[in-house]
All heavy atoms as atom14 arrays in JSON, in Angstrom:
{
  "sequence": "QAERIAAIRETAEKSSAGFFINARTDLFLGQGRDAAQSIGEALDRAK",
  "atom14_mask": [
    [1, 1, 1, 1, 1, 1, 1, 1, 1, 0, 0, 0, 0, 0],
    [1, 1, 1, 1, 1, 0, 0, 0, 0, 0, 0, 0, 0, 0],
    [1, 1, 1, 1, 1, 1, 1, 1, 1, 0, 0, 0, 0, 0],
    [1, 1, 1, 1, 1, 1, 1, 1, 1, 1, 1, 0, 0, 0],
    [1, 1, 1, 1, 1, 1, 1, 1, 0, 0, 0, 0, 0, 0],
    [1, 1, 1, 1, 1, 0, 0, 0, 0, 0, 0, 0, 0, 0],
    [1, 1, 1, 1, 1, 0, 0, 0, 0, 0, 0, 0, 0, 0],
    [1, 1, 1, 1, 1, 1, 1, 1, 0, 0, 0, 0, 0, 0],
    [1, 1, 1, 1, 1, 1, 1, 1, 1, 1, 1, 0, 0, 0],
    [1, 1, 1, 1, 1, 1, 1, 1, 1, 0, 0, 0, 0, 0],
    [1, 1, 1, 1, 1, 1, 1, 0, 0, 0, 0, 0, 0, 0],
    [1, 1, 1, 1, 1, 0, 0, 0, 0, 0, 0, 0, 0, 0],
    [1, 1, 1, 1, 1, 1, 1, 1, 1, 0, 0, 0, 0, 0],
    [1, 1, 1, 1, 1, 1, 1, 1, 1, 0, 0, 0, 0, 0],
    [1, 1, 1, 1, 1, 1, 0, 0, 0, 0, 0, 0, 0, 0],
    [1, 1, 1, 1, 1, 1, 0, 0, 0, 0, 0, 0, 0, 0],
    [1, 1, 1, 1, 1, 0, 0, 0, 0, 0, 0, 0, 0, 0],
    [1, 1, 1, 1, 0, 0, 0, 0, 0, 0, 0, 0, 0, 0],
    [1, 1, 1, 1, 1, 1, 1, 1, 1, 1, 1, 0, 0, 0],
    [1, 1, 1, 1, 1, 1, 1, 1, 1, 1, 1, 0, 0, 0],
    [1, 1, 1, 1, 1, 1, 1, 1, 0, 0, 0, 0, 0, 0],
    [1, 1, 1, 1, 1, 1, 1, 1, 0, 0, 0, 0, 0, 0],
    [1, 1, 1, 1, 1, 0, 0, 0, 0, 0, 0, 0, 0, 0],
    [1, 1, 1, 1, 1, 1, 1, 1, 1, 1, 1, 0, 0, 0],
    [1, 1, 1, 1, 1, 1, 1, 0, 0, 0, 0, 0, 0, 0],
    [1, 1, 1, 1, 1, 1, 1, 1, 0, 0, 0, 0, 0, 0],
    [1, 1, 1, 1, 1, 1, 1, 1, 0, 0, 0, 0, 0, 0],
    [1, 1, 1, 1, 1, 1, 1, 1, 1, 1, 1, 0, 0, 0],
    [1, 1, 1, 1, 1, 1, 1, 1, 0, 0, 0, 0, 0, 0],
    [1, 1, 1, 1, 0, 0, 0, 0, 0, 0, 0, 0, 0, 0],
    [1, 1, 1, 1, 1, 1, 1, 1, 1, 0, 0, 0, 0, 0],
    [1, 1, 1, 1, 0, 0, 0, 0, 0, 0, 0, 0, 0, 0],
    [1, 1, 1, 1, 1, 1, 1, 1, 1, 1, 1, 0, 0, 0],
    [1, 1, 1, 1, 1, 1, 1, 1, 0, 0, 0, 0, 0, 0],
    [1, 1, 1, 1, 1, 0, 0, 0, 0, 0, 0, 0, 0, 0],
    [1, 1, 1, 1, 1, 0, 0, 0, 0, 0, 0, 0, 0, 0],
    [1, 1, 1, 1, 1, 1, 1, 1, 1, 0, 0, 0, 0, 0],
    [1, 1, 1, 1, 1, 1, 0, 0, 0, 0, 0, 0, 0, 0],
    [1, 1, 1, 1, 1, 1, 1, 1, 0, 0, 0, 0, 0, 0],
    [1, 1, 1, 1, 0, 0, 0, 0, 0, 0, 0, 0, 0, 0],
    [1, 1, 1, 1, 1, 1, 1, 1, 1, 0, 0, 0, 0, 0],
    [1, 1, 1, 1, 1, 0, 0, 0, 0, 0, 0, 0, 0, 0],
    [1, 1, 1, 1, 1, 1, 1, 1, 0, 0, 0, 0, 0, 0],
    [1, 1, 1, 1, 1, 1, 1, 1, 0, 0, 0, 0, 0, 0],
    [1, 1, 1, 1, 1, 1, 1, 1, 1, 1, 1, 0, 0, 0],
    [1, 1, 1, 1, 1, 0, 0, 0, 0, 0, 0, 0, 0, 0],
    [1, 1, 1, 1, 1, 1, 1, 1, 1, 0, 0, 0, 0, 0]
  ],
  "atom14_positions": [
    [[234.38, 184.84, 248.01], [233.49, 184.17, 249.06], [234.31, 183.18, 249.83], [234.22, 182.89, 250.98], [232.25, 183.68, 248.48], [231.23, 183.07, 249.58], [230.78, 184.26, 250.47], [231.03, 185.42, 250.42], [229.91, 183.83, 251.56], [0.0, 0.0, 0.0], [0.0, 0.0, 0.0], [0.0, 0.0, 0.0], [0.0, 0.0, 0.0], [0.0, 0.0, 0.0]],
    [[235.07, 182.31, 249.07], [235.86, 181.33, 249.73], [236.9, 181.96, 250.74], [237.15, 181.38, 251.84], [236.61, 180.46, 248.64], [0.0, 0.0, 0.0], [0.0, 0.0, 0.0], [0.0, 0.0, 0.0], [0.0, 0.0, 0.0], [0.0, 0.0, 0.0], [0.0, 0.0, 0.0], [0.0, 0.0, 0.0], [0.0, 0.0, 0.0], [0.0, 0.0, 0.0]],
    [[237.43, 183.11, 250.42], [238.37, 183.79, 251.34], [237.64, 184.24, 252.55], [238.09, 184.05, 253.67], [238.89, 185.1, 250.6], [239.94, 184.68, 249.53], [240.27, 185.91, 248.69], [239.71, 187.05, 248.8], [241.15, 185.78, 247.83], [0.0, 0.0, 0.0], [0.0, 0.0, 0.0], [0.0, 0.0, 0.0], [0.0, 0.0, 0.0], [0.0, 0.0, 0.0]],
    [[236.31, 184.71, 252.39], [235.54, 185.07, 253.56], [235.35, 183.9, 254.38], [235.34, 184.06, 255.64], [234.3, 185.8, 253.1], [234.52, 187.12, 252.4], [233.41, 187.61, 251.45], [232.11, 187.58, 252.11], [231.65, 188.44, 253.0], [232.39, 189.47, 253.37], [230.33, 188.31, 253.42], [0.0, 0.0, 0.0], [0.0, 0.0, 0.0], [0.0, 0.0, 0.0]],
    [[234.86, 182.71, 253.77], [234.67, 181.57, 254.6], [235.97, 181.07, 255.28], [235.88, 180.83, 256.43], [234.12, 180.32, 253.7], [232.65, 180.78, 253.19], [234.11, 179.07, 254.53], [232.19, 179.93, 252.13], [0.0, 0.0, 0.0], [0.0, 0.0, 0.0], [0.0, 0.0, 0.0], [0.0, 0.0, 0.0], [0.0, 0.0, 0.0], [0.0, 0.0, 0.0]],
    [[237.08, 181.19, 254.69], [238.38, 180.78, 255.27], [238.66, 181.71, 256.45], [239.15, 181.16, 257.57], [239.45, 180.88, 254.22], [0.0, 0.0, 0.0], [0.0, 0.0, 0.0], [0.0, 0.0, 0.0], [0.0, 0.0, 0.0], [0.0, 0.0, 0.0], [0.0, 0.0, 0.0], [0.0, 0.0, 0.0], [0.0, 0.0, 0.0], [0.0, 0.0, 0.0]],
    [[238.33, 183.02, 256.38], [238.5, 183.9, 257.53], [237.61, 183.52, 258.67], [238.21, 183.5, 259.94], [238.22, 185.35, 257.22], [0.0, 0.0, 0.0], [0.0, 0.0, 0.0], [0.0, 0.0, 0.0], [0.0, 0.0, 0.0], [0.0, 0.0, 0.0], [0.0, 0.0, 0.0], [0.0, 0.0, 0.0], [0.0, 0.0, 0.0], [0.0, 0.0, 0.0]],
    [[236.42, 183.14, 258.44], [235.59, 182.62, 259.47], [236.05, 181.38, 260.09], [236.08, 181.18, 261.31], [234.13, 182.34, 258.94], [233.44, 183.77, 258.6], [233.29, 181.69, 259.98], [232.18, 183.65, 257.84], [0.0, 0.0, 0.0], [0.0, 0.0, 0.0], [0.0, 0.0, 0.0], [0.0, 0.0, 0.0], [0.0, 0.0, 0.0], [0.0, 0.0, 0.0]],
    [[236.43, 180.4, 259.3], [236.96, 179.05, 259.82], [238.13, 179.33, 260.56], [238.33, 178.73, 261.68], [237.29, 178.08, 258.58], [237.89, 176.88, 258.97], [237.16, 175.97, 259.98], [235.91, 175.56, 259.59], [234.69, 175.36, 260.26], [234.83, 175.47, 261.6], [233.59, 175.09, 259.7], [0.0, 0.0, 0.0], [0.0, 0.0, 0.0], [0.0, 0.0, 0.0]],
    [[239.09, 180.21, 260.23], [240.37, 180.5, 260.95], [240.02, 180.97, 262.3], [240.52, 180.66, 263.36], [241.3, 181.5, 260.21], [242.52, 181.74, 260.91], [243.3, 182.73, 260.15], [243.28, 182.8, 258.89], [244.14, 183.43, 260.8], [0.0, 0.0, 0.0], [0.0, 0.0, 0.0], [0.0, 0.0, 0.0], [0.0, 0.0, 0.0], [0.0, 0.0, 0.0]],
    [[239.1, 181.88, 262.39], [238.64, 182.46, 263.73], [237.97, 181.42, 264.54], [238.27, 181.23, 265.74], [237.63, 183.67, 263.4], [238.26, 184.61, 262.72], [237.14, 184.27, 264.87], [0.0, 0.0, 0.0], [0.0, 0.0, 0.0], [0.0, 0.0, 0.0], [0.0, 0.0, 0.0], [0.0, 0.0, 0.0], [0.0, 0.0, 0.0], [0.0, 0.0, 0.0]],
    [[237.14, 180.62, 264.0], [236.45, 179.56, 264.69], [237.41, 178.47, 265.23], [237.16, 178.07, 266.42], [235.35, 178.89, 263.75], [0.0, 0.0, 0.0], [0.0, 0.0, 0.0], [0.0, 0.0, 0.0], [0.0, 0.0, 0.0], [0.0, 0.0, 0.0], [0.0, 0.0, 0.0], [0.0, 0.0, 0.0], [0.0, 0.0, 0.0], [0.0, 0.0, 0.0]],
    [[238.37, 178.19, 264.54], [239.37, 177.09, 264.96], [240.09, 177.58, 266.21], [240.56, 176.72, 266.98], [240.3, 176.77, 263.82], [239.64, 176.12, 262.64], [239.13, 174.61, 263.02], [239.77, 173.86, 263.84], [238.04, 174.24, 262.59], [0.0, 0.0, 0.0], [0.0, 0.0, 0.0], [0.0, 0.0, 0.0], [0.0, 0.0, 0.0], [0.0, 0.0, 0.0]],
    [[240.18, 178.75, 266.44], [240.93, 179.37, 267.61], [240.12, 179.03, 268.84], [240.81, 179.07, 269.92], [241.14, 180.93, 267.42], [242.16, 181.26, 266.41], [242.32, 182.65, 266.17], [243.2, 182.94, 265.06], [243.17, 184.45, 264.75], [0.0, 0.0, 0.0], [0.0, 0.0, 0.0], [0.0, 0.0, 0.0], [0.0, 0.0, 0.0], [0.0, 0.0, 0.0]],
    [[238.74, 178.84, 268.71], [237.98, 178.71, 269.92], [237.1, 177.49, 269.97], [236.74, 177.0, 270.99], [237.18, 179.92, 270.2], [236.24, 180.24, 269.27], [0.0, 0.0, 0.0], [0.0, 0.0, 0.0], [0.0, 0.0, 0.0], [0.0, 0.0, 0.0], [0.0, 0.0, 0.0], [0.0, 0.0, 0.0], [0.0, 0.0, 0.0], [0.0, 0.0, 0.0]],
    [[236.75, 177.06, 268.74], [235.74, 175.94, 268.61], [235.99, 175.17, 267.3], [235.46, 175.59, 266.3], [234.36, 176.53, 268.76], [233.38, 175.58, 268.46], [0.0, 0.0, 0.0], [0.0, 0.0, 0.0], [0.0, 0.0, 0.0], [0.0, 0.0, 0.0], [0.0, 0.0, 0.0], [0.0, 0.0, 0.0], [0.0, 0.0, 0.0], [0.0, 0.0, 0.0]],
    [[236.58, 174.04, 267.44], [236.83, 173.27, 266.3], [235.56, 172.74, 265.6], [235.53, 172.39, 264.46], [237.77, 172.07, 266.59], [0.0, 0.0, 0.0], [0.0, 0.0, 0.0], [0.0, 0.0, 0.0], [0.0, 0.0, 0.0], [0.0, 0.0, 0.0], [0.0, 0.0, 0.0], [0.0, 0.0, 0.0], [0.0, 0.0, 0.0], [0.0, 0.0, 0.0]],
    [[234.45, 172.63, 266.37], [233.29, 172.1, 265.91], [232.31, 173.13, 265.3], [231.2, 172.81, 264.93], [0.0, 0.0, 0.0], [0.0, 0.0, 0.0], [0.0, 0.0, 0.0], [0.0, 0.0, 0.0], [0.0, 0.0, 0.0], [0.0, 0.0, 0.0], [0.0, 0.0, 0.0], [0.0, 0.0, 0.0], [0.0, 0.0, 0.0], [0.0, 0.0, 0.0]],
    [[232.81, 174.4, 265.05], [231.89, 175.41, 264.62], [231.29, 175.07, 263.2], [232.1, 174.77, 262.33], [232.68, 176.66, 264.52], [231.85, 177.91, 264.31], [230.95, 178.37, 265.31], [231.9, 178.59, 263.16], [230.08, 179.54, 265.15], [231.12, 179.8, 262.95], [230.25, 180.22, 263.93], [0.0, 0.0, 0.0], [0.0, 0.0, 0.0], [0.0, 0.0, 0.0]],
    [[230.04, 175.18, 262.98], [229.3, 174.74, 261.76], [229.15, 176.01, 260.98], [228.43, 176.9, 261.25], [228.01, 173.99, 262.03], [227.35, 173.42, 260.82], [227.74, 172.11, 260.55], [226.6, 174.06, 259.96], [227.08, 171.47, 259.49], [226.0, 173.49, 258.86], [226.35, 172.12, 258.61], [0.0, 0.0, 0.0], [0.0, 0.0, 0.0], [0.0, 0.0, 0.0]],
    [[229.77, 176.07, 259.7], [229.55, 177.06, 258.7], [228.64, 176.46, 257.67], [229.14, 175.72, 256.79], [230.83, 177.61, 258.2], [231.81, 178.14, 259.15], [230.6, 178.69, 257.13], [233.25, 178.38, 258.88], [0.0, 0.0, 0.0], [0.0, 0.0, 0.0], [0.0, 0.0, 0.0], [0.0, 0.0, 0.0], [0.0, 0.0, 0.0], [0.0, 0.0, 0.0]],
    [[227.45, 176.92, 257.59], [226.5, 176.5, 256.53], [226.57, 177.56, 255.42], [226.09, 178.63, 255.49], [225.08, 176.38, 257.15], [224.13, 175.58, 256.29], [224.54, 174.76, 255.59], [222.86, 175.92, 256.33], [0.0, 0.0, 0.0], [0.0, 0.0, 0.0], [0.0, 0.0, 0.0], [0.0, 0.0, 0.0], [0.0, 0.0, 0.0], [0.0, 0.0, 0.0]],
    [[227.43, 177.26, 254.4], [227.67, 178.13, 253.33], [226.43, 178.22, 252.4], [226.16, 177.27, 251.67], [228.96, 177.67, 252.6], [0.0, 0.0, 0.0], [0.0, 0.0, 0.0], [0.0, 0.0, 0.0], [0.0, 0.0, 0.0], [0.0, 0.0, 0.0], [0.0, 0.0, 0.0], [0.0, 0.0, 0.0], [0.0, 0.0, 0.0], [0.0, 0.0, 0.0]],
    [[225.8, 179.41, 252.39], [224.6, 179.59, 251.61], [224.97, 180.26, 250.28], [225.61, 181.26, 250.2], [223.66, 180.45, 252.36], [222.46, 180.93, 251.66], [221.58, 181.65, 252.46], [220.72, 182.63, 251.68], [219.63, 183.2, 252.04], [219.27, 183.05, 253.36], [218.9, 183.94, 251.24], [0.0, 0.0, 0.0], [0.0, 0.0, 0.0], [0.0, 0.0, 0.0]],
    [[224.5, 179.73, 249.2], [224.56, 180.32, 247.88], [223.16, 180.8, 247.49], [222.17, 180.04, 247.61], [225.12, 179.46, 246.71], [225.28, 180.28, 245.61], [224.35, 178.19, 246.44], [0.0, 0.0, 0.0], [0.0, 0.0, 0.0], [0.0, 0.0, 0.0], [0.0, 0.0, 0.0], [0.0, 0.0, 0.0], [0.0, 0.0, 0.0], [0.0, 0.0, 0.0]],
    [[223.14, 181.96, 247.03], [221.78, 182.64, 246.55], [221.7, 182.57, 245.03], [220.89, 183.25, 244.44], [221.68, 183.98, 247.11], [221.28, 183.97, 248.48], [220.87, 182.98, 249.06], [221.16, 185.12, 249.11], [0.0, 0.0, 0.0], [0.0, 0.0, 0.0], [0.0, 0.0, 0.0], [0.0, 0.0, 0.0], [0.0, 0.0, 0.0], [0.0, 0.0, 0.0]],
    [[222.41, 181.5, 244.34], [222.24, 181.46, 242.98], [220.79, 181.22, 242.53], [220.41, 181.51, 241.39], [223.2, 180.15, 242.5], [224.6, 180.33, 242.31], [225.32, 178.98, 242.05], [224.82, 181.36, 241.1], [0.0, 0.0, 0.0], [0.0, 0.0, 0.0], [0.0, 0.0, 0.0], [0.0, 0.0, 0.0], [0.0, 0.0, 0.0], [0.0, 0.0, 0.0]],
    [[220.04, 180.47, 243.38], [218.73, 180.1, 243.02], [217.65, 180.95, 243.7], [216.41, 180.65, 243.49], [218.54, 178.56, 243.44], [219.59, 177.74, 242.89], [220.48, 177.17, 243.74], [219.63, 177.38, 241.54], [221.5, 176.39, 243.29], [220.65, 176.54, 241.05], [221.58, 176.05, 241.95], [0.0, 0.0, 0.0], [0.0, 0.0, 0.0], [0.0, 0.0, 0.0]],
    [[218.01, 182.11, 244.27], [217.13, 182.89, 245.18], [217.16, 184.27, 244.68], [218.2, 184.99, 245.14], [217.33, 182.66, 246.55], [216.18, 183.23, 247.56], [214.98, 182.6, 247.34], [216.79, 183.04, 249.02], [0.0, 0.0, 0.0], [0.0, 0.0, 0.0], [0.0, 0.0, 0.0], [0.0, 0.0, 0.0], [0.0, 0.0, 0.0], [0.0, 0.0, 0.0]],
    [[216.22, 184.82, 244.0], [216.25, 186.26, 243.66], [217.31, 186.64, 242.64], [217.5, 187.86, 242.53], [0.0, 0.0, 0.0], [0.0, 0.0, 0.0], [0.0, 0.0, 0.0], [0.0, 0.0, 0.0], [0.0, 0.0, 0.0], [0.0, 0.0, 0.0], [0.0, 0.0, 0.0], [0.0, 0.0, 0.0], [0.0, 0.0, 0.0], [0.0, 0.0, 0.0]],
    [[217.97, 185.83, 241.99], [218.9, 186.32, 240.98], [218.46, 186.3, 239.49], [219.13, 186.69, 238.75], [220.17, 185.46, 241.16], [220.79, 185.35, 242.51], [221.37, 186.78, 242.83], [222.0, 187.43, 242.22], [221.03, 187.12, 244.15], [0.0, 0.0, 0.0], [0.0, 0.0, 0.0], [0.0, 0.0, 0.0], [0.0, 0.0, 0.0], [0.0, 0.0, 0.0]],
    [[217.29, 185.71, 239.3], [216.74, 185.66, 238.03], [217.54, 184.79, 237.09], [217.39, 184.87, 235.79], [0.0, 0.0, 0.0], [0.0, 0.0, 0.0], [0.0, 0.0, 0.0], [0.0, 0.0, 0.0], [0.0, 0.0, 0.0], [0.0, 0.0, 0.0], [0.0, 0.0, 0.0], [0.0, 0.0, 0.0], [0.0, 0.0, 0.0], [0.0, 0.0, 0.0]],
    [[218.12, 183.76, 237.59], [218.89, 182.91, 236.81], [218.14, 181.64, 236.51], [217.31, 181.18, 237.26], [220.19, 182.46, 237.51], [221.16, 183.58, 237.74], [222.4, 183.07, 238.53], [223.21, 184.18, 238.91], [224.54, 183.99, 238.92], [225.11, 182.85, 238.63], [225.28, 185.03, 239.2], [0.0, 0.0, 0.0], [0.0, 0.0, 0.0], [0.0, 0.0, 0.0]],
    [[218.44, 180.9, 235.43], [217.8, 179.64, 235.18], [218.48, 178.59, 236.06], [219.75, 178.47, 236.04], [218.06, 179.24, 233.65], [217.52, 177.92, 233.39], [216.3, 177.76, 233.18], [218.45, 177.01, 233.23], [0.0, 0.0, 0.0], [0.0, 0.0, 0.0], [0.0, 0.0, 0.0], [0.0, 0.0, 0.0], [0.0, 0.0, 0.0], [0.0, 0.0, 0.0]],
    [[217.72, 178.03, 236.84], [218.27, 176.99, 237.79], [219.12, 175.85, 237.17], [220.18, 175.52, 237.63], [217.13, 176.41, 238.62], [0.0, 0.0, 0.0], [0.0, 0.0, 0.0], [0.0, 0.0, 0.0], [0.0, 0.0, 0.0], [0.0, 0.0, 0.0], [0.0, 0.0, 0.0], [0.0, 0.0, 0.0], [0.0, 0.0, 0.0], [0.0, 0.0, 0.0]],
    [[218.61, 175.26, 236.1], [219.43, 174.17, 235.49], [220.71, 174.72, 234.89], [221.72, 173.98, 235.04], [218.52, 173.63, 234.3], [0.0, 0.0, 0.0], [0.0, 0.0, 0.0], [0.0, 0.0, 0.0], [0.0, 0.0, 0.0], [0.0, 0.0, 0.0], [0.0, 0.0, 0.0], [0.0, 0.0, 0.0], [0.0, 0.0, 0.0], [0.0, 0.0, 0.0]],
    [[220.78, 175.87, 234.44], [222.08, 176.48, 233.98], [222.99, 176.85, 235.1], [224.2, 177.18, 234.83], [221.75, 177.74, 233.16], [220.86, 177.39, 231.83], [221.67, 176.47, 230.85], [222.74, 176.64, 230.63], [220.97, 175.55, 230.37], [0.0, 0.0, 0.0], [0.0, 0.0, 0.0], [0.0, 0.0, 0.0], [0.0, 0.0, 0.0], [0.0, 0.0, 0.0]],
    [[222.48, 176.97, 236.24], [223.25, 177.45, 237.38], [223.96, 176.15, 238.24], [224.64, 176.47, 239.19], [222.54, 178.34, 238.37], [222.11, 179.48, 237.68], [0.0, 0.0, 0.0], [0.0, 0.0, 0.0], [0.0, 0.0, 0.0], [0.0, 0.0, 0.0], [0.0, 0.0, 0.0], [0.0, 0.0, 0.0], [0.0, 0.0, 0.0], [0.0, 0.0, 0.0]],
    [[223.55, 175.04, 237.93], [224.05, 173.83, 238.65], [225.55, 173.76, 238.64], [226.19, 173.53, 239.72], [223.35, 172.53, 238.08], [221.89, 172.57, 238.4], [224.01, 171.24, 238.81], [221.56, 172.64, 239.87], [0.0, 0.0, 0.0], [0.0, 0.0, 0.0], [0.0, 0.0, 0.0], [0.0, 0.0, 0.0], [0.0, 0.0, 0.0], [0.0, 0.0, 0.0]],
    [[226.19, 173.9, 237.48], [227.59, 173.86, 237.5], [228.25, 174.79, 238.35], [229.19, 174.51, 239.09], [0.0, 0.0, 0.0], [0.0, 0.0, 0.0], [0.0, 0.0, 0.0], [0.0, 0.0, 0.0], [0.0, 0.0, 0.0], [0.0, 0.0, 0.0], [0.0, 0.0, 0.0], [0.0, 0.0, 0.0], [0.0, 0.0, 0.0], [0.0, 0.0, 0.0]],
    [[227.86, 176.09, 238.26], [228.37, 177.09, 239.15], [228.17, 176.67, 240.6], [229.05, 177.0, 241.47], [227.84, 178.5, 238.86], [228.57, 179.51, 239.8], [228.06, 180.94, 239.44], [227.44, 181.13, 238.37], [228.31, 181.76, 240.27], [0.0, 0.0, 0.0], [0.0, 0.0, 0.0], [0.0, 0.0, 0.0], [0.0, 0.0, 0.0], [0.0, 0.0, 0.0]],
    [[226.94, 176.24, 240.93], [226.62, 175.85, 242.33], [227.71, 174.75, 242.85], [228.1, 174.95, 243.96], [225.24, 175.34, 242.42], [0.0, 0.0, 0.0], [0.0, 0.0, 0.0], [0.0, 0.0, 0.0], [0.0, 0.0, 0.0], [0.0, 0.0, 0.0], [0.0, 0.0, 0.0], [0.0, 0.0, 0.0], [0.0, 0.0, 0.0], [0.0, 0.0, 0.0]],
    [[227.94, 173.78, 242.0], [228.78, 172.7, 242.45], [230.26, 173.32, 242.47], [230.96, 172.84, 243.43], [228.72, 171.6, 241.43], [227.48, 170.87, 241.51], [227.42, 169.82, 240.36], [227.31, 170.14, 242.87], [0.0, 0.0, 0.0], [0.0, 0.0, 0.0], [0.0, 0.0, 0.0], [0.0, 0.0, 0.0], [0.0, 0.0, 0.0], [0.0, 0.0, 0.0]],
    [[230.65, 174.26, 241.68], [231.97, 174.9, 241.88], [232.01, 175.63, 243.16], [233.03, 175.65, 243.77], [232.21, 175.84, 240.66], [232.41, 175.2, 239.3], [232.71, 174.04, 239.29], [232.35, 175.93, 238.3], [0.0, 0.0, 0.0], [0.0, 0.0, 0.0], [0.0, 0.0, 0.0], [0.0, 0.0, 0.0], [0.0, 0.0, 0.0], [0.0, 0.0, 0.0]],
    [[230.91, 176.41, 243.54], [230.94, 177.06, 244.64], [230.95, 176.01, 245.94], [231.7, 176.31, 246.88], [229.63, 177.91, 244.89], [229.68, 179.1, 243.89], [228.49, 180.02, 244.05], [228.46, 181.25, 243.15], [229.08, 182.29, 243.58], [229.52, 182.49, 244.82], [229.23, 183.4, 242.72], [0.0, 0.0, 0.0], [0.0, 0.0, 0.0], [0.0, 0.0, 0.0]],
    [[230.19, 174.99, 245.81], [230.28, 174.02, 246.9], [231.62, 173.45, 247.19], [232.05, 173.42, 248.31], [229.28, 172.86, 246.58], [0.0, 0.0, 0.0], [0.0, 0.0, 0.0], [0.0, 0.0, 0.0], [0.0, 0.0, 0.0], [0.0, 0.0, 0.0], [0.0, 0.0, 0.0], [0.0, 0.0, 0.0], [0.0, 0.0, 0.0], [0.0, 0.0, 0.0]],
    [[232.34, 173.22, 246.07], [233.73, 172.67, 246.2], [234.67, 173.77, 246.89], [235.5, 173.52, 247.68], [234.34, 172.21, 244.87], [235.74, 171.86, 244.98], [236.33, 170.9, 243.86], [237.71, 170.48, 243.97], [238.48, 170.82, 245.2], [0.0, 0.0, 0.0], [0.0, 0.0, 0.0], [0.0, 0.0, 0.0], [0.0, 0.0, 0.0], [0.0, 0.0, 0.0]]
  ]
}
């Protein structure tokens, strides 16, 4: 997913340095995971 975001950022930088990429994680939505147990992974994804 980080590679996919980087591809978007690279494209955006060619025409609009201010392009906003709101990176959404669905760790807490429809995955059936325990939210408290997913915080560490969420923070790893954010970084």
